[in-house]
């Protein structure tokens, strides 16, 4: 059939129209996949991470980015620490705590209590030795802080690793939705080419109806003159 040959003018026109529609489908489903991934990432951060993981997340992302650019970069870190006394040397040792050592202090609504000056409030689990327990703010090398946080706070996962399952789901939504839309488009276009495309009722103004019916020549019924009978 002539209209299926892409080397004809009509075939090239149909191919350009298909490419234009496909570009629109790609943009629409890419947006849908991105929105799904962002929503799932938000849910993961909100409900899937442990309290210190959520608290340290901004510092973790910033440290990973800066450490990848320069090994000498430094940032300000606010960490929850405890001090213990070494029984041999009698000197105080500073220890950065992890989620396994602390519990958040919750209010009546189940949210972590926030002190205006001290920040989020935590308490050490029973049996964890300490002399002082507090938030420490200080400068640290990103190349040192990022590996420590990745190992001790985020179980060896990078930020992309934390979001990887959600990104994969967004990718599945994108590819499956795009594939289904293109298949439906091809089927609809094939029905149109075969003359089986059915258009629903449309509301037209008299001028629009007249323009669309300019080339109409009637219903195609042959009418014969009938001789009148004498009365």
N, C-alpha and C. Protein backbone atom coordinates (compact mmCIF):
# COMPACT_ATOMS: atom_id res chain seq x y z
N UNK A 1 0.85 -1.19 0.00
CA UNK A 1 0.00 0.00 0.00
C UNK A 1 0.88 1.24 0.00
N UNK A 2 0.46 2.27 -0.73
CA UNK A 2 1.32 3.44 -0.91
C UNK A 2 1.55 4.17 0.39
N UNK A 3 0.52 4.21 1.24
CA UNK A 3 0.66 5.03 2.44
C UNK A 3 1.58 4.41 3.48
N UNK A 4 1.95 3.11 3.28
CA UNK A 4 2.86 2.47 4.22
C UNK A 4 4.31 2.61 3.81
N UNK A 5 4.57 3.14 2.65
CA UNK A 5 5.93 3.31 2.17
C UNK A 5 6.47 4.65 2.66
N UNK A 6 7.52 4.60 3.46
CA UNK A 6 8.06 5.83 4.06
C UNK A 6 8.77 6.69 3.04
N UNK A 7 9.02 6.15 1.83
CA UNK A 7 9.72 6.92 0.81
C UNK A 7 8.76 7.76 -0.03
N UNK A 8 7.47 7.60 0.20
CA UNK A 8 6.50 8.45 -0.48
C UNK A 8 6.24 9.69 0.38
N UNK A 9 5.65 10.70 -0.23
CA UNK A 9 5.37 11.93 0.51
C UNK A 9 4.40 11.67 1.66
N UNK A 10 3.38 10.86 1.39
CA UNK A 10 2.42 10.55 2.45
C UNK A 10 3.07 9.73 3.56
N UNK A 11 3.94 8.79 3.16
CA UNK A 11 4.62 7.99 4.17
C UNK A 11 5.54 8.83 5.04
N UNK A 12 6.26 9.78 4.44
CA UNK A 12 7.13 10.67 5.21
C UNK A 12 6.30 11.53 6.16
N UNK A 13 5.15 11.99 5.70
CA UNK A 13 4.28 12.81 6.56
C UNK A 13 3.80 12.00 7.75
N UNK A 14 3.39 10.76 7.51
CA UNK A 14 2.93 9.91 8.62
C UNK A 14 4.07 9.61 9.59
N UNK A 15 5.29 9.43 9.06
CA UNK A 15 6.43 9.16 9.93
C UNK A 15 6.75 10.37 10.80
N UNK A 16 6.70 11.56 10.21
CA UNK A 16 6.96 12.77 11.01
C UNK A 16 5.90 12.95 12.09
N UNK A 17 4.64 12.68 11.74
CA UNK A 17 3.59 12.80 12.74
C UNK A 17 3.77 11.79 13.87
N UNK A 18 4.20 10.57 13.52
CA UNK A 18 4.43 9.55 14.54
C UNK A 18 5.59 9.95 15.46
N UNK A 19 6.65 10.50 14.88
CA UNK A 19 7.78 10.95 15.70
C UNK A 19 7.35 12.08 16.64
N UNK A 20 6.52 12.97 16.13
CA UNK A 20 6.05 14.08 16.96
C UNK A 20 5.20 13.57 18.12
N UNK A 21 4.32 12.63 17.83
CA UNK A 21 3.49 12.06 18.90
C UNK A 21 4.34 11.29 19.90
N UNK A 22 5.33 10.55 19.39
CA UNK A 22 6.19 9.77 20.28
C UNK A 22 6.99 10.67 21.21
N UNK A 23 7.46 11.80 20.70
CA UNK A 23 8.19 12.74 21.55
C UNK A 23 7.29 13.24 22.68
N UNK A 24 6.03 13.50 22.37
CA UNK A 24 5.09 13.91 23.42
C UNK A 24 4.86 12.80 24.43
N UNK A 25 4.74 11.55 23.95
CA UNK A 25 4.57 10.43 24.86
C UNK A 25 5.77 10.27 25.78
N UNK A 26 6.98 10.40 25.21
CA UNK A 26 8.20 10.26 26.02
C UNK A 26 8.24 11.33 27.11
N UNK A 27 7.93 12.58 26.74
CA UNK A 27 7.96 13.66 27.73
C UNK A 27 6.94 13.42 28.83
N UNK A 28 5.73 12.99 28.45
CA UNK A 28 4.67 12.78 29.44
C UNK A 28 5.02 11.65 30.39
N UNK A 29 5.47 10.52 29.86
CA UNK A 29 5.78 9.38 30.72
C UNK A 29 7.07 9.58 31.50
N UNK A 30 8.00 10.36 30.95
CA UNK A 30 9.20 10.69 31.72
C UNK A 30 8.83 11.51 32.95
N UNK A 31 7.90 12.43 32.78
CA UNK A 31 7.43 13.22 33.92
C UNK A 31 6.71 12.33 34.94
N UNK A 32 5.89 11.40 34.44
CA UNK A 32 5.19 10.49 35.35
C UNK A 32 6.17 9.62 36.13
N UNK A 33 7.18 9.08 35.43
CA UNK A 33 8.16 8.26 36.11
C UNK A 33 8.95 9.04 37.14
N UNK A 34 9.31 10.29 36.80
CA UNK A 34 10.05 11.13 37.74
C UNK A 34 9.20 11.45 38.97
N UNK A 35 7.92 11.75 38.77
CA UNK A 35 7.04 12.05 39.90
C UNK A 35 6.86 10.84 40.80
N UNK A 36 6.74 9.66 40.19
CA UNK A 36 6.61 8.43 41.00
C UNK A 36 7.88 8.20 41.81
N UNK A 37 9.04 8.37 41.18
CA UNK A 37 10.31 8.18 41.89
C UNK A 37 10.47 9.17 43.03
N UNK A 38 10.13 10.44 42.78
CA UNK A 38 10.24 11.46 43.82
C UNK A 38 9.30 11.17 44.98
N UNK A 39 8.08 10.75 44.67
CA UNK A 39 7.13 10.43 45.73
C UNK A 39 7.61 9.25 46.57
N UNK A 40 8.13 8.22 45.91
CA UNK A 40 8.63 7.06 46.65
C UNK A 40 9.87 7.40 47.46
N UNK A 41 10.75 8.25 46.91
CA UNK A 41 11.93 8.68 47.67
C UNK A 41 11.52 9.46 48.92
N UNK A 42 10.50 10.32 48.76
CA UNK A 42 10.02 11.08 49.92
C UNK A 42 9.47 10.14 50.99
N UNK A 43 8.70 9.13 50.56
CA UNK A 43 8.16 8.16 51.52
C UNK A 43 9.27 7.36 52.19
N UNK A 44 10.30 7.01 51.40
CA UNK A 44 11.43 6.27 51.96
C UNK A 44 12.17 7.09 53.01
N UNK A 45 12.40 8.37 52.70
CA UNK A 45 13.10 9.24 53.64
C UNK A 45 12.23 9.49 54.88
N UNK A 46 10.95 9.66 54.65
CA UNK A 46 10.03 10.00 55.75
C UNK A 46 9.79 8.83 56.68
N UNK A 47 9.59 7.64 56.10
CA UNK A 47 9.18 6.51 56.92
C UNK A 47 10.14 5.32 56.89
N UNK A 48 11.05 5.29 55.93
CA UNK A 48 11.92 4.13 55.80
C UNK A 48 13.27 4.26 56.49
N UNK A 49 13.70 5.50 56.74
CA UNK A 49 15.00 5.72 57.37
C UNK A 49 14.85 5.79 58.88
N UNK A 50 15.93 5.45 59.57
CA UNK A 50 15.95 5.55 61.02
C UNK A 50 16.17 7.02 61.42
N UNK A 51 15.89 7.36 62.68
CA UNK A 51 15.94 8.77 63.09
C UNK A 51 17.25 9.49 62.78
N UNK A 52 18.39 8.91 63.13
CA UNK A 52 19.66 9.58 62.85
C UNK A 52 19.94 9.61 61.35
N UNK A 53 19.48 8.61 60.61
CA UNK A 53 19.67 8.63 59.17
C UNK A 53 18.93 9.81 58.55
N UNK A 54 17.71 10.06 59.00
CA UNK A 54 16.97 11.23 58.49
C UNK A 54 17.64 12.53 58.94
N UNK A 55 18.13 12.56 60.16
CA UNK A 55 18.74 13.78 60.70
C UNK A 55 20.03 14.13 59.96
N UNK A 56 20.82 13.13 59.62
CA UNK A 56 22.12 13.37 58.99
C UNK A 56 22.05 13.43 57.47
N UNK A 57 20.87 13.24 56.86
CA UNK A 57 20.80 13.04 55.41
C UNK A 57 21.36 14.22 54.63
N UNK A 58 20.98 15.45 54.99
CA UNK A 58 21.48 16.62 54.26
C UNK A 58 23.00 16.71 54.35
N UNK A 59 23.54 16.46 55.53
CA UNK A 59 24.99 16.50 55.69
C UNK A 59 25.66 15.38 54.89
N UNK A 60 24.99 14.23 54.82
CA UNK A 60 25.53 13.09 54.09
C UNK A 60 25.60 13.38 52.59
N UNK A 61 24.51 13.92 52.04
CA UNK A 61 24.49 14.24 50.61
C UNK A 61 25.51 15.32 50.29
N UNK A 62 25.55 16.37 51.11
CA UNK A 62 26.51 17.45 50.88
C UNK A 62 27.94 16.95 50.98
N UNK A 63 28.24 16.13 51.99
CA UNK A 63 29.60 15.60 52.14
C UNK A 63 30.01 14.71 50.99
N UNK A 64 29.06 13.90 50.48
CA UNK A 64 29.40 13.00 49.37
C UNK A 64 29.71 13.80 48.10
N UNK A 65 28.95 14.87 47.87
CA UNK A 65 29.19 15.69 46.68
C UNK A 65 30.52 16.43 46.78
N UNK A 66 30.76 17.02 47.93
CA UNK A 66 32.01 17.79 48.10
C UNK A 66 33.23 16.88 48.10
N UNK A 67 33.11 15.69 48.69
CA UNK A 67 34.23 14.76 48.72
C UNK A 67 34.58 14.25 47.33
N UNK A 68 33.57 14.14 46.45
CA UNK A 68 33.82 13.68 45.09
C UNK A 68 34.52 14.74 44.25
N UNK A 69 34.43 16.01 44.67
CA UNK A 69 35.05 17.10 43.93
C UNK A 69 36.46 17.36 44.42
N UNK A 70 36.63 17.38 45.74
CA UNK A 70 37.95 17.69 46.31
C UNK A 70 38.18 16.88 47.58
N UNK A 71 39.40 16.39 47.72
CA UNK A 71 39.77 15.63 48.91
C UNK A 71 40.10 16.54 50.08
N UNK A 72 40.21 17.83 49.84
CA UNK A 72 40.59 18.77 50.90
C UNK A 72 39.42 19.61 51.40
N UNK A 73 38.25 19.45 50.82
CA UNK A 73 37.11 20.27 51.21
C UNK A 73 36.67 19.95 52.63
N UNK A 74 36.18 20.97 53.32
CA UNK A 74 35.70 20.83 54.69
C UNK A 74 34.29 21.40 54.80
N UNK A 75 33.50 20.83 55.70
CA UNK A 75 32.14 21.31 55.94
C UNK A 75 31.87 21.28 57.43
N UNK A 76 30.82 21.97 57.82
CA UNK A 76 30.39 21.97 59.21
C UNK A 76 29.44 20.80 59.43
N UNK A 77 29.73 19.99 60.44
CA UNK A 77 28.93 18.82 60.76
C UNK A 77 28.39 18.96 62.19
N UNK A 78 27.13 18.59 62.35
CA UNK A 78 26.50 18.55 63.68
C UNK A 78 26.16 17.10 63.96
N UNK A 79 26.86 16.50 64.92
CA UNK A 79 26.75 15.08 65.20
C UNK A 79 26.41 14.85 66.67
N UNK A 80 25.71 13.76 66.91
CA UNK A 80 25.38 13.36 68.27
C UNK A 80 26.52 12.49 68.80
N UNK A 81 27.10 12.89 69.92
CA UNK A 81 28.28 12.20 70.45
C UNK A 81 28.08 11.90 71.93
N UNK A 82 28.92 11.02 72.44
CA UNK A 82 28.99 10.73 73.87
C UNK A 82 30.45 10.61 74.26
N UNK A 83 30.73 10.89 75.50
CA UNK A 83 32.10 10.76 76.00
C UNK A 83 32.14 9.67 77.05
N UNK A 84 33.23 8.92 77.04
CA UNK A 84 33.45 7.89 78.04
C UNK A 84 34.85 8.07 78.62
N UNK A 85 35.04 7.55 79.81
CA UNK A 85 36.35 7.64 80.46
C UNK A 85 37.09 6.34 80.30
N UNK A 86 38.29 6.41 79.74
CA UNK A 86 39.11 5.23 79.57
C UNK A 86 39.59 4.76 80.94
N UNK A 87 39.26 3.54 81.33
CA UNK A 87 39.64 3.09 82.67
C UNK A 87 41.14 2.99 82.89
N UNK A 88 41.91 2.88 81.82
CA UNK A 88 43.37 2.75 81.96
C UNK A 88 44.04 4.11 82.01
N UNK A 89 43.73 4.94 81.04
CA UNK A 89 44.39 6.24 80.95
C UNK A 89 43.65 7.33 81.71
N UNK A 90 42.39 7.05 82.11
CA UNK A 90 41.55 8.03 82.79
C UNK A 90 41.25 9.27 81.93
N UNK A 91 41.43 9.12 80.63
CA UNK A 91 41.14 10.23 79.72
C UNK A 91 39.77 10.03 79.08
N UNK A 92 39.15 11.14 78.77
CA UNK A 92 37.85 11.07 78.12
C UNK A 92 38.01 10.77 76.62
N UNK A 93 37.17 9.90 76.14
CA UNK A 93 37.17 9.52 74.73
C UNK A 93 35.84 9.93 74.11
N UNK A 94 35.93 10.58 72.95
CA UNK A 94 34.74 11.04 72.25
C UNK A 94 34.29 9.96 71.27
N UNK A 95 33.01 9.60 71.34
CA UNK A 95 32.45 8.55 70.49
C UNK A 95 31.24 9.10 69.76
N UNK A 96 31.20 8.95 68.44
CA UNK A 96 30.01 9.33 67.66
C UNK A 96 29.01 8.19 67.73
N UNK A 97 27.79 8.51 68.14
CA UNK A 97 26.80 7.46 68.34
C UNK A 97 26.10 7.13 67.03
N UNK A 98 25.47 5.97 67.00
CA UNK A 98 24.73 5.50 65.84
C UNK A 98 23.29 5.22 66.25
N UNK A 99 22.47 4.85 65.27
CA UNK A 99 21.07 4.55 65.56
C UNK A 99 20.92 3.36 66.49
N UNK A 100 21.89 2.46 66.48
CA UNK A 100 21.81 1.29 67.36
C UNK A 100 22.00 1.66 68.82
N UNK A 101 22.50 2.87 69.10
CA UNK A 101 22.80 3.25 70.48
C UNK A 101 21.80 4.25 71.06
N UNK A 102 20.94 4.81 70.24
CA UNK A 102 20.05 5.87 70.73
C UNK A 102 18.59 5.56 70.40
N UNK A 103 17.72 6.24 71.12
CA UNK A 103 16.29 6.20 70.86
C UNK A 103 15.77 7.63 70.84
N UNK A 104 14.89 7.96 69.92
CA UNK A 104 14.36 9.33 69.90
C UNK A 104 13.38 9.58 71.04
N UNK A 105 13.35 10.80 71.51
CA UNK A 105 12.37 11.21 72.52
C UNK A 105 11.13 11.68 71.77
N UNK A 106 9.99 11.02 72.00
CA UNK A 106 8.78 11.29 71.25
C UNK A 106 7.78 12.07 72.10
N UNK A 107 6.99 12.90 71.43
CA UNK A 107 5.94 13.63 72.13
C UNK A 107 4.64 12.83 72.07
N UNK A 108 3.55 13.44 72.49
CA UNK A 108 2.27 12.74 72.54
C UNK A 108 1.78 12.33 71.16
N UNK A 109 2.19 13.04 70.11
CA UNK A 109 1.78 12.72 68.74
C UNK A 109 2.70 11.74 68.05
N UNK A 110 3.74 11.28 68.77
CA UNK A 110 4.66 10.32 68.18
C UNK A 110 5.78 10.93 67.37
N UNK A 111 5.96 12.25 67.44
CA UNK A 111 7.02 12.92 66.71
C UNK A 111 8.21 13.18 67.63
N UNK A 112 9.39 13.27 67.01
CA UNK A 112 10.60 13.51 67.80
C UNK A 112 10.56 14.92 68.38
N UNK A 113 10.83 15.02 69.66
CA UNK A 113 10.83 16.32 70.33
C UNK A 113 12.04 17.12 69.86
N UNK A 114 11.80 18.38 69.53
CA UNK A 114 12.87 19.27 69.07
C UNK A 114 13.05 20.40 70.07
N UNK A 115 14.26 20.53 70.57
CA UNK A 115 14.60 21.63 71.45
C UNK A 115 15.08 22.81 70.60
N UNK A 116 14.58 24.03 70.86
CA UNK A 116 14.99 25.18 70.02
C UNK A 116 16.49 25.41 69.97
N UNK A 117 17.19 25.08 71.03
CA UNK A 117 18.64 25.32 71.09
C UNK A 117 19.45 24.06 70.78
N UNK A 118 18.95 22.91 71.24
CA UNK A 118 19.74 21.68 71.12
C UNK A 118 19.40 20.86 69.89
N UNK A 119 18.25 21.13 69.29
CA UNK A 119 17.85 20.34 68.13
C UNK A 119 17.03 19.13 68.55
N UNK A 120 17.00 18.07 67.70
CA UNK A 120 16.24 16.87 68.00
C UNK A 120 16.78 16.21 69.26
N UNK A 121 15.87 15.67 70.04
CA UNK A 121 16.27 15.10 71.32
C UNK A 121 16.27 13.58 71.25
N UNK A 122 17.38 12.99 71.70
CA UNK A 122 17.55 11.55 71.74
C UNK A 122 17.98 11.16 73.15
N UNK A 123 17.80 9.90 73.44
CA UNK A 123 18.31 9.34 74.69
C UNK A 123 19.07 8.07 74.38
N UNK A 124 20.10 7.80 75.15
CA UNK A 124 20.89 6.59 74.93
C UNK A 124 20.12 5.36 75.39
N UNK A 125 20.32 4.28 74.68
CA UNK A 125 19.68 3.03 75.08
C UNK A 125 20.29 2.54 76.39
N UNK A 126 19.54 1.75 77.13
CA UNK A 126 20.07 1.22 78.39
C UNK A 126 21.34 0.40 78.17
N UNK A 127 22.29 0.58 79.05
CA UNK A 127 23.54 -0.18 78.97
C UNK A 127 24.64 0.49 78.19
N UNK A 128 24.36 1.62 77.51
CA UNK A 128 25.39 2.33 76.75
C UNK A 128 26.13 3.27 77.72
N UNK A 129 27.43 3.05 77.92
CA UNK A 129 28.16 3.89 78.88
C UNK A 129 28.42 5.29 78.33
N UNK A 130 28.36 6.28 79.21
CA UNK A 130 28.66 7.65 78.79
C UNK A 130 28.88 8.52 80.02
N UNK A 131 29.63 9.56 79.82
CA UNK A 131 29.78 10.60 80.85
C UNK A 131 29.02 11.84 80.44
N UNK A 132 29.19 12.23 79.17
CA UNK A 132 28.42 13.33 78.60
C UNK A 132 27.80 12.85 77.29
N UNK A 133 26.65 13.43 76.99
CA UNK A 133 25.90 13.04 75.80
C UNK A 133 25.29 14.31 75.22
N UNK A 134 25.72 14.69 73.99
CA UNK A 134 25.31 16.00 73.48
C UNK A 134 25.53 16.08 71.96
N UNK A 135 25.00 17.19 71.38
CA UNK A 135 25.25 17.49 69.98
C UNK A 135 26.55 18.28 69.86
N UNK A 136 27.40 17.83 68.95
CA UNK A 136 28.68 18.52 68.74
C UNK A 136 28.70 19.12 67.33
N UNK A 137 29.06 20.38 67.25
CA UNK A 137 29.19 21.05 65.96
C UNK A 137 30.65 21.38 65.72
N UNK A 138 31.16 21.04 64.55
CA UNK A 138 32.56 21.31 64.23
C UNK A 138 32.84 21.11 62.76
N UNK A 139 34.01 21.55 62.36
CA UNK A 139 34.44 21.40 60.97
C UNK A 139 35.11 20.04 60.80
N UNK A 140 34.89 19.45 59.65
CA UNK A 140 35.50 18.16 59.36
C UNK A 140 35.74 18.00 57.88
N UNK A 141 36.74 17.20 57.53
CA UNK A 141 37.04 16.93 56.13
C UNK A 141 35.96 16.03 55.55
N UNK A 142 35.43 16.44 54.42
CA UNK A 142 34.37 15.65 53.78
C UNK A 142 34.87 14.28 53.37
N UNK A 143 36.12 14.19 52.95
CA UNK A 143 36.68 12.91 52.53
C UNK A 143 36.79 11.93 53.68
N UNK A 144 36.77 12.42 54.94
CA UNK A 144 36.80 11.54 56.10
C UNK A 144 35.40 11.30 56.67
N UNK A 145 34.58 12.33 56.67
CA UNK A 145 33.25 12.22 57.26
C UNK A 145 32.31 11.38 56.40
N UNK A 146 32.41 11.52 55.08
CA UNK A 146 31.51 10.76 54.22
C UNK A 146 31.69 9.25 54.38
N UNK A 147 32.91 8.70 54.35
CA UNK A 147 33.06 7.26 54.55
C UNK A 147 32.58 6.80 55.93
N UNK A 148 32.81 7.63 56.96
CA UNK A 148 32.35 7.24 58.28
C UNK A 148 30.83 7.16 58.34
N UNK A 149 30.15 8.16 57.81
CA UNK A 149 28.70 8.16 57.83
C UNK A 149 28.14 7.04 56.96
N UNK A 150 28.76 6.78 55.83
CA UNK A 150 28.29 5.71 54.96
C UNK A 150 28.40 4.35 55.65
N UNK A 151 29.49 4.13 56.37
CA UNK A 151 29.71 2.84 57.03
C UNK A 151 28.88 2.69 58.29
N UNK A 152 28.85 3.71 59.14
CA UNK A 152 28.27 3.58 60.47
C UNK A 152 26.81 4.02 60.56
N UNK A 153 26.37 4.89 59.67
CA UNK A 153 25.01 5.39 59.74
C UNK A 153 24.13 4.79 58.66
N UNK A 154 24.63 4.67 57.43
CA UNK A 154 23.81 4.26 56.30
C UNK A 154 24.11 2.85 55.80
N UNK A 155 24.73 2.03 56.65
CA UNK A 155 24.92 0.60 56.34
C UNK A 155 25.63 0.36 55.02
N UNK A 156 26.59 1.25 54.68
CA UNK A 156 27.39 1.07 53.48
C UNK A 156 26.72 1.52 52.20
N UNK A 157 25.57 2.16 52.28
CA UNK A 157 24.86 2.58 51.08
C UNK A 157 25.09 4.07 50.81
N UNK A 158 25.30 4.40 49.54
CA UNK A 158 25.37 5.80 49.14
C UNK A 158 23.96 6.35 49.04
N UNK A 159 23.86 7.65 48.79
CA UNK A 159 22.53 8.25 48.66
C UNK A 159 21.80 7.67 47.46
N UNK A 160 22.51 7.47 46.35
CA UNK A 160 21.89 6.85 45.18
C UNK A 160 21.48 5.42 45.48
N UNK A 161 22.29 4.74 46.31
CA UNK A 161 21.93 3.38 46.70
C UNK A 161 20.66 3.34 47.51
N UNK A 162 20.45 4.35 48.36
CA UNK A 162 19.22 4.42 49.13
C UNK A 162 18.00 4.63 48.24
N UNK A 163 18.20 5.39 47.17
CA UNK A 163 17.08 5.73 46.27
C UNK A 163 16.97 4.79 45.07
N UNK A 164 17.91 3.86 44.92
CA UNK A 164 17.92 3.00 43.73
C UNK A 164 16.62 2.23 43.52
N UNK A 165 16.03 1.59 44.55
CA UNK A 165 14.77 0.87 44.30
C UNK A 165 13.66 1.78 43.79
N UNK A 166 13.56 3.00 44.35
CA UNK A 166 12.52 3.93 43.90
C UNK A 166 12.76 4.41 42.47
N UNK A 167 14.04 4.61 42.12
CA UNK A 167 14.37 5.01 40.75
C UNK A 167 14.05 3.90 39.77
N UNK A 168 14.27 2.66 40.19
CA UNK A 168 13.95 1.53 39.31
C UNK A 168 12.44 1.42 39.08
N UNK A 169 11.65 1.66 40.12
CA UNK A 169 10.20 1.62 39.97
C UNK A 169 9.75 2.73 39.02
N UNK A 170 10.33 3.93 39.17
CA UNK A 170 10.02 5.01 38.25
C UNK A 170 10.38 4.67 36.82
N UNK A 171 11.52 3.97 36.63
CA UNK A 171 11.90 3.54 35.29
C UNK A 171 10.93 2.52 34.71
N UNK A 172 10.45 1.61 35.55
CA UNK A 172 9.45 0.63 35.09
C UNK A 172 8.17 1.33 34.67
N UNK A 173 7.74 2.33 35.46
CA UNK A 173 6.54 3.08 35.10
C UNK A 173 6.74 3.78 33.75
N UNK A 174 7.91 4.38 33.56
CA UNK A 174 8.19 5.09 32.31
C UNK A 174 8.16 4.16 31.10
N UNK A 175 8.92 3.06 31.17
CA UNK A 175 9.03 2.19 30.00
C UNK A 175 7.73 1.43 29.73
N UNK A 176 7.06 0.95 30.77
CA UNK A 176 5.81 0.22 30.55
C UNK A 176 4.72 1.15 30.03
N UNK A 177 4.62 2.35 30.61
CA UNK A 177 3.62 3.30 30.14
C UNK A 177 3.89 3.76 28.72
N UNK A 178 5.17 4.02 28.39
CA UNK A 178 5.51 4.45 27.04
C UNK A 178 5.23 3.35 26.03
N UNK A 179 5.59 2.12 26.37
CA UNK A 179 5.35 1.00 25.45
C UNK A 179 3.86 0.80 25.19
N UNK A 180 3.06 0.83 26.27
CA UNK A 180 1.62 0.63 26.11
C UNK A 180 1.00 1.77 25.29
N UNK A 181 1.46 2.99 25.50
CA UNK A 181 0.91 4.12 24.75
C UNK A 181 1.25 4.04 23.27
N UNK A 182 2.49 3.67 22.96
CA UNK A 182 2.88 3.55 21.55
C UNK A 182 2.11 2.43 20.86
N UNK A 183 1.93 1.31 21.58
CA UNK A 183 1.17 0.20 20.98
C UNK A 183 -0.26 0.64 20.69
N UNK A 184 -0.89 1.34 21.63
CA UNK A 184 -2.26 1.81 21.40
C UNK A 184 -2.30 2.84 20.26
N UNK A 185 -1.28 3.68 20.18
CA UNK A 185 -1.22 4.66 19.10
C UNK A 185 -1.13 3.96 17.75
N UNK A 186 -0.31 2.94 17.66
CA UNK A 186 -0.16 2.24 16.38
C UNK A 186 -1.45 1.53 15.99
N UNK A 187 -2.14 0.95 16.98
CA UNK A 187 -3.40 0.28 16.68
C UNK A 187 -4.46 1.28 16.21
N UNK A 188 -4.54 2.41 16.90
CA UNK A 188 -5.50 3.44 16.51
C UNK A 188 -5.18 3.98 15.12
N UNK A 189 -3.89 4.17 14.82
CA UNK A 189 -3.51 4.67 13.50
C UNK A 189 -3.81 3.64 12.42
N UNK A 190 -3.65 2.35 12.75
CA UNK A 190 -3.94 1.31 11.77
C UNK A 190 -5.44 1.27 11.46
N UNK A 191 -6.27 1.43 12.50
CA UNK A 191 -7.72 1.46 12.27
C UNK A 191 -8.10 2.67 11.43
N UNK A 192 -7.40 3.78 11.66
CA UNK A 192 -7.68 4.99 10.88
C UNK A 192 -7.34 4.77 9.41
N UNK A 193 -6.19 4.12 9.15
CA UNK A 193 -5.78 3.88 7.78
C UNK A 193 -6.73 2.92 7.07
N UNK A 194 -7.31 1.99 7.84
CA UNK A 194 -8.23 1.03 7.24
C UNK A 194 -9.65 1.57 7.15
N UNK A 195 -9.84 2.81 7.57
CA UNK A 195 -11.15 3.42 7.46
C UNK A 195 -12.12 3.00 8.53
N UNK A 196 -11.63 2.46 9.66
CA UNK A 196 -12.51 2.00 10.72
C UNK A 196 -12.44 2.89 11.96
N UNK A 197 -11.82 4.05 11.79
CA UNK A 197 -11.76 4.97 12.92
C UNK A 197 -13.11 5.64 13.10
N UNK A 198 -13.68 5.52 14.27
CA UNK A 198 -14.99 6.08 14.56
C UNK A 198 -14.82 7.32 15.39
N UNK A 199 -15.38 8.41 14.93
CA UNK A 199 -15.29 9.67 15.66
C UNK A 199 -16.60 9.89 16.41
N UNK A 200 -16.49 10.32 17.64
CA UNK A 200 -17.67 10.58 18.44
C UNK A 200 -18.37 11.86 18.02
N UNK A 201 -19.47 12.12 18.66
CA UNK A 201 -20.27 13.31 18.36
C UNK A 201 -19.50 14.56 18.73
N UNK A 202 -19.52 15.56 17.86
CA UNK A 202 -18.86 16.83 18.13
C UNK A 202 -19.85 17.96 17.99
N UNK A 203 -19.63 18.99 18.77
CA UNK A 203 -20.48 20.16 18.69
C UNK A 203 -19.80 21.19 17.79
N UNK A 204 -20.45 21.54 16.66
CA UNK A 204 -19.89 22.47 15.70
C UNK A 204 -20.83 23.66 15.54
N UNK A 205 -20.21 24.79 15.25
CA UNK A 205 -21.00 25.97 14.90
C UNK A 205 -21.47 25.81 13.45
N UNK A 206 -22.50 26.52 13.04
CA UNK A 206 -22.94 26.42 11.62
C UNK A 206 -21.83 26.71 10.64
N UNK A 207 -20.94 27.67 10.95
CA UNK A 207 -19.83 27.99 10.04
C UNK A 207 -18.85 26.82 9.95
N UNK A 208 -18.53 26.19 11.11
CA UNK A 208 -17.61 25.05 11.09
C UNK A 208 -18.21 23.88 10.33
N UNK A 209 -19.49 23.63 10.52
CA UNK A 209 -20.15 22.54 9.80
C UNK A 209 -20.14 22.78 8.30
N UNK A 210 -20.38 24.02 7.91
CA UNK A 210 -20.40 24.35 6.48
C UNK A 210 -19.02 24.16 5.87
N UNK A 211 -17.95 24.56 6.63
CA UNK A 211 -16.59 24.39 6.09
C UNK A 211 -16.27 22.91 5.91
N UNK A 212 -16.66 22.07 6.86
CA UNK A 212 -16.34 20.65 6.77
C UNK A 212 -17.17 19.94 5.71
N UNK A 213 -18.30 20.50 5.36
CA UNK A 213 -19.16 19.85 4.38
C UNK A 213 -19.09 20.48 3.00
N UNK A 214 -18.06 21.32 2.76
CA UNK A 214 -17.95 21.99 1.47
C UNK A 214 -17.84 21.00 0.33
N UNK A 215 -17.05 19.94 0.58
CA UNK A 215 -16.82 18.97 -0.51
C UNK A 215 -17.87 17.87 -0.56
N UNK A 216 -18.83 17.90 0.34
CA UNK A 216 -19.85 16.85 0.36
C UNK A 216 -20.77 16.99 -0.85
N UNK A 217 -21.03 15.90 -1.50
CA UNK A 217 -21.90 15.90 -2.68
C UNK A 217 -23.20 15.17 -2.43
N UNK A 218 -23.48 14.87 -1.21
CA UNK A 218 -24.72 14.16 -0.89
C UNK A 218 -24.46 12.79 -0.35
N UNK A 219 -25.47 11.95 -0.31
CA UNK A 219 -25.36 10.62 0.25
C UNK A 219 -24.95 9.58 -0.78
N UNK A 220 -24.82 9.97 -2.01
CA UNK A 220 -24.42 9.02 -3.04
C UNK A 220 -25.54 8.12 -3.52
N UNK A 221 -26.80 8.55 -3.39
CA UNK A 221 -27.95 7.77 -3.83
C UNK A 221 -28.43 8.31 -5.19
N UNK A 222 -28.53 7.43 -6.12
CA UNK A 222 -29.00 7.83 -7.46
C UNK A 222 -30.50 8.03 -7.41
N UNK A 223 -30.94 9.17 -7.89
CA UNK A 223 -32.39 9.50 -7.88
C UNK A 223 -32.87 9.58 -9.34
N UNK A 224 -33.95 8.93 -9.62
CA UNK A 224 -34.54 8.93 -10.96
C UNK A 224 -35.83 9.75 -10.95
N UNK A 225 -36.03 10.46 -12.02
CA UNK A 225 -37.28 11.20 -12.16
C UNK A 225 -38.43 10.23 -12.39
N UNK A 226 -39.49 10.44 -11.68
CA UNK A 226 -40.66 9.58 -11.88
C UNK A 226 -41.70 10.34 -12.70
N UNK A 227 -42.09 9.81 -13.80
CA UNK A 227 -43.11 10.52 -14.62
C UNK A 227 -44.42 10.66 -13.85
N UNK A 228 -44.99 11.82 -13.99
CA UNK A 228 -46.24 12.07 -13.32
C UNK A 228 -47.38 11.34 -14.04
N UNK A 229 -48.27 10.83 -13.27
CA UNK A 229 -49.44 10.15 -13.83
C UNK A 229 -50.54 11.16 -14.11
N UNK A 230 -51.18 10.89 -15.18
CA UNK A 230 -52.30 11.79 -15.54
C UNK A 230 -53.47 11.52 -14.60
N UNK A 231 -54.07 12.57 -14.16
CA UNK A 231 -55.21 12.42 -13.28
C UNK A 231 -56.53 12.58 -14.05
